[in-house]
């Protein structure tokens, strides 16, 4: 469901010398779909769980069902993930006020740029050229974003304190 790219990872020009079609990642497609309708909130709400499912699958992570998104970011990421945790925190800083706050509290950011960097500058690069058949199936992880509201207290000032 995430990729509409074919199974070929080749960047060689197709017959006739024309370049191959651009690679697509469903998370980016979802962001573009919402932003084309000027729906920033919808873009962020839709893309956060898609990214987290890819993070789980690519890094072989399993999150406790009762964990909130904050728990995952605080306790479920590893030090060998390079820039990914910082980029996920950037995405989450947009997601949290949209999911749980009022529009006046929204943190405007370039969701398109953050998602692009997540998929191009991190271990999630492997998702870009992965065939659709390899991404589906019963072993595919899920990421729930519907925990009880009371699990989300406002972040403390000055840092990543939850």
Protein backbone atom coordinates (compact mmCIF):
# COMPACT_ATOMS: atom_id res chain seq x y z
CA UNK A 1 0.00 0.00 0.00
CA UNK A 2 2.92 2.30 0.51
CA UNK A 3 4.73 2.29 -2.81
CA UNK A 4 3.63 2.55 -6.36
CA UNK A 5 7.16 2.01 -7.60
CA UNK A 6 7.91 -1.10 -9.56
CA UNK A 7 10.34 -3.77 -8.48
CA UNK A 8 13.15 -2.39 -10.63
CA UNK A 9 15.62 -0.28 -8.72
CA UNK A 10 17.46 0.71 -11.89
CA UNK A 11 17.84 4.37 -12.71
CA UNK A 12 18.99 3.67 -16.25
CA UNK A 13 16.97 5.35 -18.98
CA UNK A 14 14.20 3.26 -20.49
CA UNK A 15 14.23 2.25 -24.15
CA UNK A 16 14.29 5.37 -26.32
CA UNK A 17 16.49 7.27 -23.86
CA UNK A 18 13.72 8.68 -21.67
CA UNK A 19 14.31 8.63 -17.91
CA UNK A 20 12.30 6.26 -15.73
CA UNK A 21 9.21 7.63 -14.00
CA UNK A 22 9.87 9.30 -10.63
CA UNK A 23 9.95 6.99 -7.65
CA UNK A 24 6.93 7.37 -5.40
CA UNK A 25 6.52 6.69 -1.71
CA UNK A 26 2.98 6.49 -0.39
CA UNK A 27 3.76 8.72 2.60
CA UNK A 28 4.88 11.48 0.24
CA UNK A 29 1.90 10.83 -2.03
CA UNK A 30 -0.40 11.18 0.95
CA UNK A 31 1.22 14.48 1.96
CA UNK A 32 0.94 15.81 -1.60
CA UNK A 33 -2.70 14.75 -1.87
CA UNK A 34 -3.64 16.71 1.25
CA UNK A 35 -1.45 19.73 0.54
CA UNK A 36 -2.91 20.04 -2.97
CA UNK A 37 -6.21 20.75 -1.18
CA UNK A 38 -4.49 23.13 1.30
CA UNK A 39 -5.11 20.58 4.07
CA UNK A 40 -1.95 20.84 6.19
CA UNK A 41 -3.62 19.18 9.19
CA UNK A 42 -4.85 16.26 7.11
CA UNK A 43 -1.39 15.78 5.61
CA UNK A 44 0.28 15.57 9.01
CA UNK A 45 -2.46 13.38 10.55
CA UNK A 46 -2.28 10.94 7.63
CA UNK A 47 1.50 10.70 7.26
CA UNK A 48 2.60 10.20 10.87
CA UNK A 49 1.19 6.64 11.24
CA UNK A 50 2.42 5.69 7.74
CA UNK A 51 5.96 6.74 8.64
CA UNK A 52 5.83 4.93 11.97
CA UNK A 53 4.73 1.67 10.32
CA UNK A 54 7.67 1.93 7.93
CA UNK A 55 10.04 2.65 10.84
CA UNK A 56 8.81 -0.46 12.66
CA UNK A 57 9.15 -2.69 9.65
CA UNK A 58 12.49 -1.45 8.33
CA UNK A 59 14.20 -1.45 11.74
CA UNK A 60 12.46 -4.58 13.03
CA UNK A 61 10.89 -2.77 15.97
CA UNK A 62 7.90 -3.86 17.97
CA UNK A 63 6.15 -1.33 20.18
CA UNK A 64 4.03 -2.27 23.17
CA UNK A 65 0.33 -1.87 22.31
CA UNK A 66 -0.25 0.49 25.24
CA UNK A 67 2.57 2.85 24.21
CA UNK A 68 1.62 6.28 23.02
CA UNK A 69 3.44 7.98 20.17
CA UNK A 70 5.43 9.86 22.80
CA UNK A 71 6.43 6.59 24.46
CA UNK A 72 7.66 5.29 21.13
CA UNK A 73 9.75 8.40 20.49
CA UNK A 74 11.12 8.47 24.03
CA UNK A 75 11.80 4.74 24.52
CA UNK A 76 11.36 2.84 21.25
CA UNK A 77 14.04 4.29 19.00
CA UNK A 78 17.65 3.16 18.84
CA UNK A 79 20.95 5.02 18.75
CA UNK A 80 21.93 3.34 15.46
CA UNK A 81 19.16 5.14 13.57
CA UNK A 82 21.28 8.17 12.70
CA UNK A 83 19.20 11.29 12.00
CA UNK A 84 15.89 9.44 12.01
CA UNK A 85 14.93 10.12 15.66
CA UNK A 86 15.45 13.87 15.19
CA UNK A 87 13.37 13.87 12.02
CA UNK A 88 10.61 11.86 13.74
CA UNK A 89 10.59 14.41 16.58
CA UNK A 90 10.20 17.17 13.98
CA UNK A 91 7.26 15.36 12.42
CA UNK A 92 5.74 14.66 15.83
CA UNK A 93 6.04 18.32 16.83
CA UNK A 94 3.65 19.05 13.95
CA UNK A 95 1.46 16.00 14.60
CA UNK A 96 0.76 16.37 18.33
CA UNK A 97 -1.01 19.76 18.28
CA UNK A 98 -2.95 18.78 15.17
CA UNK A 99 -4.08 15.47 16.65
CA UNK A 100 -4.73 16.68 20.19
CA UNK A 101 -4.91 20.47 20.22
CA UNK A 102 -6.59 23.41 18.64
CA UNK A 103 -5.74 24.85 15.25
CA UNK A 104 -4.26 27.96 16.89
CA UNK A 105 -1.70 25.65 18.55
CA UNK A 106 -0.53 24.06 15.31
CA UNK A 107 3.19 24.16 14.61
CA UNK A 108 3.49 25.11 10.99
CA UNK A 109 6.37 23.39 9.31
CA UNK A 110 7.35 21.97 5.98
CA UNK A 111 5.85 18.51 6.38
CA UNK A 112 6.77 17.70 2.79
CA UNK A 113 10.46 18.43 3.45
CA UNK A 114 10.55 16.50 6.74
CA UNK A 115 8.93 13.42 5.15
CA UNK A 116 11.27 13.62 2.14
CA UNK A 117 14.28 13.72 4.47
CA UNK A 118 12.91 10.80 6.50
CA UNK A 119 12.79 8.66 3.37
CA UNK A 120 15.97 9.94 1.69
CA UNK A 121 18.43 10.64 4.51
CA UNK A 122 17.79 7.64 6.77
CA UNK A 123 17.48 3.85 6.77
CA UNK A 124 14.01 4.26 5.28
CA UNK A 125 15.67 4.79 1.88
CA UNK A 126 15.08 1.07 1.34
CA UNK A 127 11.31 1.66 1.26
CA UNK A 128 11.52 3.83 -1.84
CA UNK A 129 12.29 1.09 -4.36
CA UNK A 130 10.65 -1.78 -2.54
CA UNK A 131 8.00 -3.66 -4.55
CA UNK A 132 4.45 -3.41 -3.26
CA UNK A 133 4.20 -7.18 -2.75
CA UNK A 134 7.12 -7.08 -0.32
CA UNK A 135 5.40 -4.47 1.85
CA UNK A 136 2.04 -6.10 2.45
CA UNK A 137 0.93 -9.21 4.23
CA UNK A 138 -0.05 -10.46 7.68
CA UNK A 139 3.36 -9.73 9.22
CA UNK A 140 3.07 -6.04 8.45
CA UNK A 141 3.23 -3.97 11.64
CA UNK A 142 0.56 -1.52 12.64
CA UNK A 143 0.86 1.72 14.51
CA UNK A 144 -2.13 2.91 16.47
CA UNK A 145 -2.61 6.62 16.94
CA UNK A 146 -5.77 6.45 19.00
CA UNK A 147 -4.54 6.13 22.61
CA UNK A 148 -6.65 7.59 25.39
CA UNK A 149 -6.38 11.38 25.47
CA UNK A 150 -5.23 11.44 29.08
CA UNK A 151 -1.95 9.78 28.11
CA UNK A 152 -0.91 12.98 26.34
CA UNK A 153 0.17 15.66 28.77
CA UNK A 154 1.64 18.84 27.39
CA UNK A 155 5.41 18.67 26.87
CA UNK A 156 7.55 20.45 29.43
CA UNK A 157 9.50 23.53 28.40
CA UNK A 158 13.07 23.18 27.29
CA UNK A 159 13.77 19.97 25.52
CA UNK A 160 12.17 16.63 24.90
CA UNK A 161 10.72 16.20 28.36
CA UNK A 162 7.36 14.53 28.13
